[in-house]
Amino acid sequence: MKITTTRVAAFSLSLCFTTLSFAHSGHVHKAPLIACQSLSKGEPCRYMVGKDKIYKGTCQMFEKTLMCVRNQPIEYLSPLTDSKLESIESETLNEQ
């Protein structure tokens, strides 16, 4: 019984660590990479996501790749309606 419990616990922990390692396995957008193509590490950068969001940050090195890392609030080019704000808030809460 004790060996089975130990095996189950070890298996459960291995699943947790495997899931965590995939959480940051890649970047979805190419824009952060393109934003820093002609810049150096630490320089300010910016890029657009969609047609209405501007992300601002600094160029940082990750695995020998320079990319723009957001360190400022997202700028919305079009005014946000109450429904858009609620959607963003719920997405943010789900990510945490």
C-alpha atoms as a PDB file:
ATOM      1  CA  MET A   1       0.000   0.000   0.000  1.00  0.00           C
ATOM      2  CA  LYS A   2       2.803   2.407   0.904  1.00  0.00           C
ATOM      3  CA  ILE A   3       4.606   1.760  -2.405  1.00  0.00           C
ATOM      4  CA  THR A   4       1.422   2.404  -4.393  1.00  0.00           C
ATOM      5  CA  THR A   5       0.833   5.704  -2.598  1.00  0.00           C
ATOM      6  CA  THR A   6       4.418   6.741  -3.261  1.00  0.00           C
ATOM      7  CA  ARG A   7       4.115   5.849  -6.949  1.00  0.00           C
ATOM      8  CA  VAL A   8       0.859   7.785  -7.299  1.00  0.00           C
ATOM      9  CA  ALA A   9       2.406  10.817  -5.610  1.00  0.00           C
ATOM     10  CA  ALA A  10       5.508  10.640  -7.824  1.00  0.00           C
ATOM     11  CA  PHE A  11       3.409  10.278 -10.968  1.00  0.00           C
ATOM     12  CA  SER A  12       1.189  13.220  -9.976  1.00  0.00           C
ATOM     13  CA  LEU A  13       4.213  15.438  -9.335  1.00  0.00           C
ATOM     14  CA  SER A  14       5.773  14.494 -12.662  1.00  0.00           C
ATOM     15  CA  LEU A  15       2.568  15.524 -14.454  1.00  0.00           C
ATOM     16  CA  CYS A  16       2.571  18.872 -12.659  1.00  0.00           C
ATOM     17  CA  PHE A  17       6.157  19.649 -13.644  1.00  0.00           C
ATOM     18  CA  THR A  18       5.598  18.534 -17.234  1.00  0.00           C
ATOM     19  CA  THR A  19       2.595  20.863 -17.544  1.00  0.00           C
ATOM     20  CA  LEU A  20       4.573  23.774 -16.092  1.00  0.00           C
ATOM     21  CA  SER A  21       7.418  23.292 -18.548  1.00  0.00           C
ATOM     22  CA  PHE A  22       5.039  23.564 -21.524  1.00  0.00           C
ATOM     23  CA  ALA A  23       3.462  26.769 -20.205  1.00  0.00           C
ATOM     24  CA  HIS A  24       6.368  28.869 -21.486  1.00  0.00           C
ATOM     25  CA  SER A  25       7.556  26.687 -24.339  1.00  0.00           C
ATOM     26  CA  GLY A  26       7.117  29.241 -27.091  1.00  0.00           C
ATOM     27  CA  HIS A  27       5.738  32.579 -28.141  1.00  0.00           C
ATOM     28  CA  VAL A  28       2.499  32.901 -30.071  1.00  0.00           C
ATOM     29  CA  HIS A  29       3.209  36.121 -31.976  1.00  0.00           C
ATOM     30  CA  LYS A  30       6.194  36.945 -34.188  1.00  0.00           C
ATOM     31  CA  ALA A  31       5.693  40.679 -33.585  1.00  0.00           C
ATOM     32  CA  PRO A  32       7.814  40.767 -30.371  1.00  0.00           C
ATOM     33  CA  LEU A  33      10.704  39.213 -32.303  1.00  0.00           C
ATOM     34  CA  ILE A  34      10.360  41.550 -35.264  1.00  0.00           C
ATOM     35  CA  ALA A  35      10.133  44.598 -32.965  1.00  0.00           C
ATOM     36  CA  CYS A  36      13.702  44.040 -31.739  1.00  0.00           C
ATOM     37  CA  GLN A  37      15.355  43.041 -35.029  1.00  0.00           C
ATOM     38  CA  SER A  38      17.274  46.308 -35.380  1.00  0.00           C
ATOM     39  CA  LEU A  39      17.565  47.068 -31.644  1.00  0.00           C
ATOM     40  CA  SER A  40      19.836  46.004 -28.783  1.00  0.00           C
ATOM     41  CA  LYS A  41      19.070  44.421 -25.428  1.00  0.00           C
ATOM     42  CA  GLY A  42      17.465  46.928 -23.042  1.00  0.00           C
ATOM     43  CA  GLU A  43      16.275  49.330 -25.734  1.00  0.00           C
ATOM     44  CA  PRO A  44      12.604  50.408 -25.713  1.00  0.00           C
ATOM     45  CA  CYS A  45      10.397  48.593 -28.216  1.00  0.00           C
ATOM     46  CA  ARG A  46       6.750  48.358 -29.234  1.00  0.00           C
ATOM     47  CA  TYR A  47       4.534  46.189 -31.401  1.00  0.00           C
ATOM     48  CA  MET A  48       0.881  45.801 -32.304  1.00  0.00           C
ATOM     49  CA  VAL A  49      -1.382  42.870 -31.556  1.00  0.00           C
ATOM     50  CA  GLY A  50      -4.440  42.819 -33.725  1.00  0.00           C
ATOM     51  CA  LYS A  51      -5.588  46.184 -35.041  1.00  0.00           C
ATOM     52  CA  ASP A  52      -6.201  47.896 -31.741  1.00  0.00           C
ATOM     53  CA  LYS A  53      -3.528  47.016 -29.143  1.00  0.00           C
ATOM     54  CA  ILE A  54      -0.017  48.408 -28.755  1.00  0.00           C
ATOM     55  CA  TYR A  55       2.415  46.597 -26.477  1.00  0.00           C
ATOM     56  CA  LYS A  56       5.409  48.588 -25.171  1.00  0.00           C
ATOM     57  CA  GLY A  57       8.440  47.246 -23.394  1.00  0.00           C
ATOM     58  CA  THR A  58      12.151  46.611 -23.739  1.00  0.00           C
ATOM     59  CA  CYS A  59      14.161  44.180 -25.822  1.00  0.00           C
ATOM     60  CA  GLN A  60      15.284  41.176 -23.763  1.00  0.00           C
ATOM     61  CA  MET A  61      17.315  38.086 -24.623  1.00  0.00           C
ATOM     62  CA  PHE A  62      15.636  34.674 -24.304  1.00  0.00           C
ATOM     63  CA  GLU A  63      17.459  31.554 -25.473  1.00  0.00           C
ATOM     64  CA  LYS A  64      19.730  33.587 -27.774  1.00  0.00           C
ATOM     65  CA  THR A  65      16.716  35.406 -29.270  1.00  0.00           C
ATOM     66  CA  LEU A  66      16.044  39.099 -28.759  1.00  0.00           C
ATOM     67  CA  MET A  67      12.369  39.905 -28.258  1.00  0.00           C
ATOM     68  CA  CYS A  68      10.200  42.767 -27.029  1.00  0.00           C
ATOM     69  CA  VAL A  69       8.943  42.103 -23.497  1.00  0.00           C
ATOM     70  CA  ARG A  70       5.982  44.208 -22.437  1.00  0.00           C
ATOM     71  CA  ASN A  71       6.539  46.185 -19.236  1.00  0.00           C
ATOM     72  CA  GLN A  72       3.854  48.841 -19.638  1.00  0.00           C
ATOM     73  CA  PRO A  73       0.055  48.667 -19.752  1.00  0.00           C
ATOM     74  CA  ILE A  74      -1.494  47.706 -23.082  1.00  0.00           C
ATOM     75  CA  GLU A  75      -2.610  50.754 -25.094  1.00  0.00           C
ATOM     76  CA  TYR A  76      -5.982  50.373 -26.798  1.00  0.00           C
ATOM     77  CA  LEU A  77      -6.399  52.409 -29.975  1.00  0.00           C
ATOM     78  CA  SER A  78     -10.186  52.253 -29.937  1.00  0.00           C
ATOM     79  CA  PRO A  79     -12.181  53.066 -26.806  1.00  0.00           C
ATOM     80  CA  LEU A  80     -13.182  50.033 -24.784  1.00  0.00           C
ATOM     81  CA  THR A  81     -16.858  49.352 -24.252  1.00  0.00           C
ATOM     82  CA  ASP A  82     -18.087  47.904 -20.952  1.00  0.00           C
ATOM     83  CA  SER A  83     -18.469  44.453 -22.549  1.00  0.00           C
ATOM     84  CA  LYS A  84     -14.856  44.535 -23.840  1.00  0.00           C
ATOM     85  CA  LEU A  85     -13.614  45.556 -20.383  1.00  0.00           C
ATOM     86  CA  GLU A  86     -15.533  42.695 -18.767  1.00  0.00           C
ATOM     87  CA  SER A  87     -14.079  40.275 -21.305  1.00  0.00           C
ATOM     88  CA  ILE A  88     -10.512  41.467 -20.621  1.00  0.00           C
ATOM     89  CA  GLU A  89     -11.035  41.265 -16.872  1.00  0.00           C
ATOM     90  CA  SER A  90     -12.388  37.710 -17.088  1.00  0.00           C
ATOM     91  CA  GLU A  91      -9.471  36.646 -19.338  1.00  0.00           C
ATOM     92  CA  THR A  92      -7.030  38.123 -16.851  1.00  0.00           C
ATOM     93  CA  LEU A  93      -8.668  36.317 -13.942  1.00  0.00           C
ATOM     94  CA  ASN A  94      -8.636  33.015 -15.851  1.00  0.00           C
ATOM     95  CA  GLU A  95      -4.896  33.342 -16.538  1.00  0.00           C
ATOM     96  CA  GLN A  96      -4.057  33.658 -12.842  1.00  0.00           C
END
